[in-house]
């Protein structure tokens, strides 16, 4: 995700900053910026994963979507059976 960067300023609790400094001393990342970026990317990925899961769960309760899926399964049943038979 690295590329062109832009300076940003954030206020963090002093205990978080102390942990960040400790992690740097222990060699957790090449720089504080790298560690903060890695943490943010991980958190943002998790937020996207949760949003995607919520959309799937919403879809699982949508009668129109479930009907469409059922119709597609019926329409492709014979094609799937034909393909499965040719895989021997």
N, C-alpha and C. Protein backbone atom coordinates (compact mmCIF):
# COMPACT_ATOMS: atom_id res chain seq x y z
N UNK A 1 0.83 -1.18 0.00
CA UNK A 1 0.00 0.00 0.00
C UNK A 1 0.87 1.25 0.00
N UNK A 2 2.14 1.08 0.28
CA UNK A 2 3.03 2.24 0.33
C UNK A 2 3.10 2.90 -1.04
N UNK A 3 3.32 4.16 -1.03
CA UNK A 3 3.40 4.95 -2.24
C UNK A 3 3.66 6.38 -1.84
N UNK A 4 3.04 7.29 -2.52
CA UNK A 4 3.18 8.69 -2.18
C UNK A 4 2.60 8.93 -0.78
N UNK A 5 3.34 9.63 0.03
CA UNK A 5 2.88 9.86 1.40
C UNK A 5 2.47 11.31 1.60
N UNK A 6 1.71 11.51 2.64
CA UNK A 6 1.27 12.85 3.01
C UNK A 6 1.35 12.94 4.53
N UNK A 7 1.88 14.00 5.02
CA UNK A 7 2.03 14.18 6.46
C UNK A 7 0.66 14.31 7.13
N UNK A 8 0.53 13.63 8.27
CA UNK A 8 -0.69 13.70 9.06
C UNK A 8 -0.28 13.80 10.53
N UNK A 9 -1.07 14.48 11.30
CA UNK A 9 -0.78 14.64 12.73
C UNK A 9 -1.94 14.07 13.53
N UNK A 10 -1.60 13.24 14.52
CA UNK A 10 -2.62 12.63 15.37
C UNK A 10 -2.21 12.79 16.82
N UNK A 11 -3.16 12.91 17.67
CA UNK A 11 -2.92 12.92 19.11
C UNK A 11 -3.23 11.53 19.64
N UNK A 12 -2.24 10.95 20.34
CA UNK A 12 -2.40 9.61 20.89
C UNK A 12 -2.11 9.65 22.38
N UNK A 13 -2.74 8.76 23.13
CA UNK A 13 -2.45 8.71 24.56
C UNK A 13 -0.96 8.42 24.80
N UNK A 14 -0.43 8.97 25.87
CA UNK A 14 1.00 8.82 26.14
C UNK A 14 1.40 7.37 26.33
N UNK A 15 0.50 6.53 26.88
CA UNK A 15 0.86 5.12 27.05
C UNK A 15 0.97 4.41 25.70
N UNK A 16 0.17 4.81 24.73
CA UNK A 16 0.26 4.23 23.38
C UNK A 16 1.58 4.64 22.74
N UNK A 17 1.95 5.90 22.91
CA UNK A 17 3.23 6.37 22.36
C UNK A 17 4.40 5.66 23.03
N UNK A 18 4.29 5.41 24.33
CA UNK A 18 5.35 4.69 25.04
C UNK A 18 5.48 3.27 24.48
N UNK A 19 4.36 2.62 24.22
CA UNK A 19 4.39 1.27 23.64
C UNK A 19 4.97 1.30 22.23
N UNK A 20 4.65 2.34 21.48
CA UNK A 20 5.21 2.50 20.14
C UNK A 20 6.73 2.62 20.22
N UNK A 21 7.21 3.45 21.14
CA UNK A 21 8.66 3.60 21.32
C UNK A 21 9.32 2.28 21.73
N UNK A 22 8.67 1.56 22.63
CA UNK A 22 9.20 0.26 23.08
C UNK A 22 9.27 -0.71 21.90
N UNK A 23 8.21 -0.74 21.09
CA UNK A 23 8.20 -1.63 19.92
C UNK A 23 9.34 -1.29 18.97
N UNK A 24 9.61 0.00 18.82
CA UNK A 24 10.70 0.42 17.93
C UNK A 24 12.05 -0.03 18.47
N UNK A 25 12.26 0.11 19.78
CA UNK A 25 13.51 -0.33 20.41
C UNK A 25 13.70 -1.83 20.20
N UNK A 26 12.59 -2.57 20.23
CA UNK A 26 12.64 -4.03 20.05
C UNK A 26 12.71 -4.44 18.59
N UNK A 27 12.73 -3.46 17.68
CA UNK A 27 12.89 -3.76 16.26
C UNK A 27 11.63 -4.22 15.54
N UNK A 28 10.47 -3.81 16.01
CA UNK A 28 9.19 -4.25 15.43
C UNK A 28 9.01 -3.79 13.98
N UNK A 29 9.62 -2.67 13.63
CA UNK A 29 9.46 -2.12 12.28
C UNK A 29 10.64 -1.19 12.01
N UNK A 30 10.88 -0.90 10.74
CA UNK A 30 12.00 -0.02 10.41
C UNK A 30 11.80 1.43 10.87
N UNK A 31 10.55 1.83 11.12
CA UNK A 31 10.28 3.19 11.58
C UNK A 31 8.92 3.23 12.26
N UNK A 32 8.69 4.28 13.03
CA UNK A 32 7.38 4.46 13.65
C UNK A 32 6.31 4.59 12.58
N UNK A 33 6.63 5.32 11.53
CA UNK A 33 5.66 5.47 10.44
C UNK A 33 5.28 4.12 9.85
N UNK A 34 6.27 3.25 9.66
CA UNK A 34 6.00 1.93 9.08
C UNK A 34 5.10 1.11 10.00
N UNK A 35 5.36 1.19 11.30
CA UNK A 35 4.54 0.42 12.24
C UNK A 35 3.12 0.96 12.32
N UNK A 36 2.98 2.28 12.36
CA UNK A 36 1.65 2.89 12.39
C UNK A 36 0.90 2.57 11.09
N UNK A 37 1.57 2.65 9.95
CA UNK A 37 0.93 2.31 8.68
C UNK A 37 0.45 0.87 8.69
N UNK A 38 1.33 -0.05 9.15
CA UNK A 38 0.97 -1.47 9.19
C UNK A 38 -0.25 -1.69 10.08
N UNK A 39 -0.28 -1.02 11.22
CA UNK A 39 -1.42 -1.17 12.14
C UNK A 39 -2.70 -0.62 11.52
N UNK A 40 -2.61 0.53 10.87
CA UNK A 40 -3.79 1.12 10.24
C UNK A 40 -4.29 0.27 9.08
N UNK A 41 -3.38 -0.23 8.27
CA UNK A 41 -3.78 -1.08 7.14
C UNK A 41 -4.50 -2.32 7.66
N UNK A 42 -3.95 -2.91 8.71
CA UNK A 42 -4.57 -4.11 9.31
C UNK A 42 -5.98 -3.78 9.82
N UNK A 43 -6.13 -2.66 10.52
CA UNK A 43 -7.43 -2.27 11.05
C UNK A 43 -8.42 -1.95 9.94
N UNK A 44 -7.96 -1.25 8.91
CA UNK A 44 -8.84 -0.91 7.79
C UNK A 44 -9.28 -2.17 7.04
N UNK A 45 -8.37 -3.14 6.89
CA UNK A 45 -8.74 -4.42 6.28
C UNK A 45 -9.82 -5.12 7.09
N UNK A 46 -9.68 -5.08 8.41
CA UNK A 46 -10.68 -5.70 9.29
C UNK A 46 -12.03 -5.00 9.17
N UNK A 47 -12.03 -3.68 9.09
CA UNK A 47 -13.28 -2.94 8.90
C UNK A 47 -13.95 -3.33 7.58
N UNK A 48 -13.17 -3.46 6.51
CA UNK A 48 -13.74 -3.88 5.22
C UNK A 48 -14.29 -5.30 5.31
N UNK A 49 -13.57 -6.17 6.02
CA UNK A 49 -14.02 -7.56 6.17
C UNK A 49 -15.35 -7.60 6.92
N UNK A 50 -15.47 -6.82 7.98
CA UNK A 50 -16.72 -6.78 8.75
C UNK A 50 -17.88 -6.22 7.90
N UNK A 51 -17.59 -5.20 7.11
CA UNK A 51 -18.64 -4.63 6.26
C UNK A 51 -19.08 -5.65 5.22
N UNK A 52 -18.13 -6.37 4.64
CA UNK A 52 -18.45 -7.40 3.64
C UNK A 52 -19.28 -8.51 4.29
N UNK A 53 -18.90 -8.92 5.50
CA UNK A 53 -19.64 -9.96 6.21
C UNK A 53 -21.07 -9.50 6.48
N UNK A 54 -21.23 -8.25 6.88
CA UNK A 54 -22.58 -7.71 7.14
C UNK A 54 -23.42 -7.73 5.87
N UNK A 55 -22.80 -7.39 4.74
CA UNK A 55 -23.55 -7.43 3.47
C UNK A 55 -23.96 -8.85 3.11
N UNK A 56 -23.07 -9.83 3.35
CA UNK A 56 -23.42 -11.23 3.08
C UNK A 56 -24.57 -11.67 3.99
N UNK A 57 -24.49 -11.28 5.26
CA UNK A 57 -25.56 -11.65 6.20
C UNK A 57 -26.88 -11.00 5.81
N UNK A 58 -26.82 -9.77 5.34
CA UNK A 58 -28.03 -9.10 4.86
C UNK A 58 -28.59 -9.82 3.64
N UNK A 59 -27.71 -10.21 2.74
CA UNK A 59 -28.15 -10.94 1.55
C UNK A 59 -28.77 -12.28 1.89
N UNK A 60 -28.25 -12.92 2.94
CA UNK A 60 -28.78 -14.23 3.34
C UNK A 60 -30.20 -14.12 3.87
N UNK A 61 -30.64 -12.91 4.20
CA UNK A 61 -32.02 -12.71 4.68
C UNK A 61 -32.90 -12.07 3.61
N UNK A 62 -32.35 -11.82 2.44
CA UNK A 62 -33.09 -11.14 1.37
C UNK A 62 -33.83 -12.17 0.53
N UNK A 63 -35.15 -12.22 0.60
CA UNK A 63 -35.89 -13.24 -0.13
C UNK A 63 -35.70 -13.16 -1.64
N UNK A 64 -35.55 -11.97 -2.20
CA UNK A 64 -35.35 -11.85 -3.65
C UNK A 64 -34.00 -12.41 -4.07
N UNK A 65 -32.96 -12.14 -3.30
CA UNK A 65 -31.65 -12.70 -3.61
C UNK A 65 -31.67 -14.22 -3.49
N UNK A 66 -32.28 -14.72 -2.43
CA UNK A 66 -32.36 -16.17 -2.24
C UNK A 66 -33.14 -16.83 -3.38
N UNK A 67 -34.20 -16.17 -3.85
CA UNK A 67 -34.97 -16.69 -4.98
C UNK A 67 -34.11 -16.72 -6.24
N UNK A 68 -33.36 -15.63 -6.48
CA UNK A 68 -32.47 -15.59 -7.65
C UNK A 68 -31.44 -16.72 -7.60
N UNK A 69 -30.85 -16.92 -6.44
CA UNK A 69 -29.85 -17.99 -6.30
C UNK A 69 -30.47 -19.34 -6.58
N UNK A 70 -31.66 -19.56 -6.05
CA UNK A 70 -32.36 -20.83 -6.27
C UNK A 70 -32.64 -21.05 -7.75
N UNK A 71 -33.11 -20.00 -8.43
CA UNK A 71 -33.40 -20.11 -9.87
C UNK A 71 -32.13 -20.39 -10.67
N UNK A 72 -31.04 -19.77 -10.30
CA UNK A 72 -29.77 -20.01 -11.00
C UNK A 72 -29.30 -21.45 -10.77
N UNK A 73 -29.44 -21.93 -9.55
CA UNK A 73 -29.05 -23.31 -9.26
C UNK A 73 -29.87 -24.29 -10.10
N UNK A 74 -31.15 -24.05 -10.22
CA UNK A 74 -32.02 -24.92 -11.03
C UNK A 74 -31.61 -24.84 -12.50
N UNK A 75 -31.36 -23.62 -12.99
CA UNK A 75 -31.00 -23.43 -14.40
C UNK A 75 -29.69 -24.12 -14.75
N UNK A 76 -28.76 -24.18 -13.84
CA UNK A 76 -27.45 -24.76 -14.14
C UNK A 76 -27.30 -26.20 -13.67
N UNK A 77 -28.32 -26.75 -13.05
CA UNK A 77 -28.23 -28.11 -12.51
C UNK A 77 -27.84 -29.11 -13.60
N UNK A 78 -28.50 -29.04 -14.75
CA UNK A 78 -28.18 -30.02 -15.80
C UNK A 78 -26.79 -29.77 -16.38
N UNK A 79 -26.41 -28.51 -16.53
CA UNK A 79 -25.07 -28.21 -17.03
C UNK A 79 -24.00 -28.69 -16.05
N UNK A 80 -24.25 -28.52 -14.77
CA UNK A 80 -23.30 -28.98 -13.75
C UNK A 80 -23.19 -30.50 -13.78
N UNK A 81 -24.33 -31.18 -13.94
CA UNK A 81 -24.32 -32.64 -14.00
C UNK A 81 -23.56 -33.11 -15.24
N UNK A 82 -23.77 -32.45 -16.36
CA UNK A 82 -23.07 -32.80 -17.60
C UNK A 82 -21.57 -32.61 -17.45
N UNK A 83 -21.17 -31.49 -16.87
CA UNK A 83 -19.75 -31.21 -16.66
C UNK A 83 -19.14 -32.22 -15.69
N UNK A 84 -19.86 -32.53 -14.62
CA UNK A 84 -19.35 -33.50 -13.65
C UNK A 84 -19.14 -34.85 -14.30
N UNK A 85 -20.01 -35.23 -15.21
CA UNK A 85 -19.87 -36.51 -15.89
C UNK A 85 -18.68 -36.54 -16.83
N UNK A 86 -18.29 -35.42 -17.36
CA UNK A 86 -17.16 -35.38 -18.31
C UNK A 86 -15.82 -35.28 -17.60
N UNK A 87 -15.83 -35.20 -16.29
CA UNK A 87 -14.59 -35.05 -15.54
C UNK A 87 -14.01 -36.40 -15.14
N UNK A 88 -14.63 -37.48 -15.54
CA UNK A 88 -14.14 -38.81 -15.18
C UNK A 88 -12.88 -39.17 -15.91
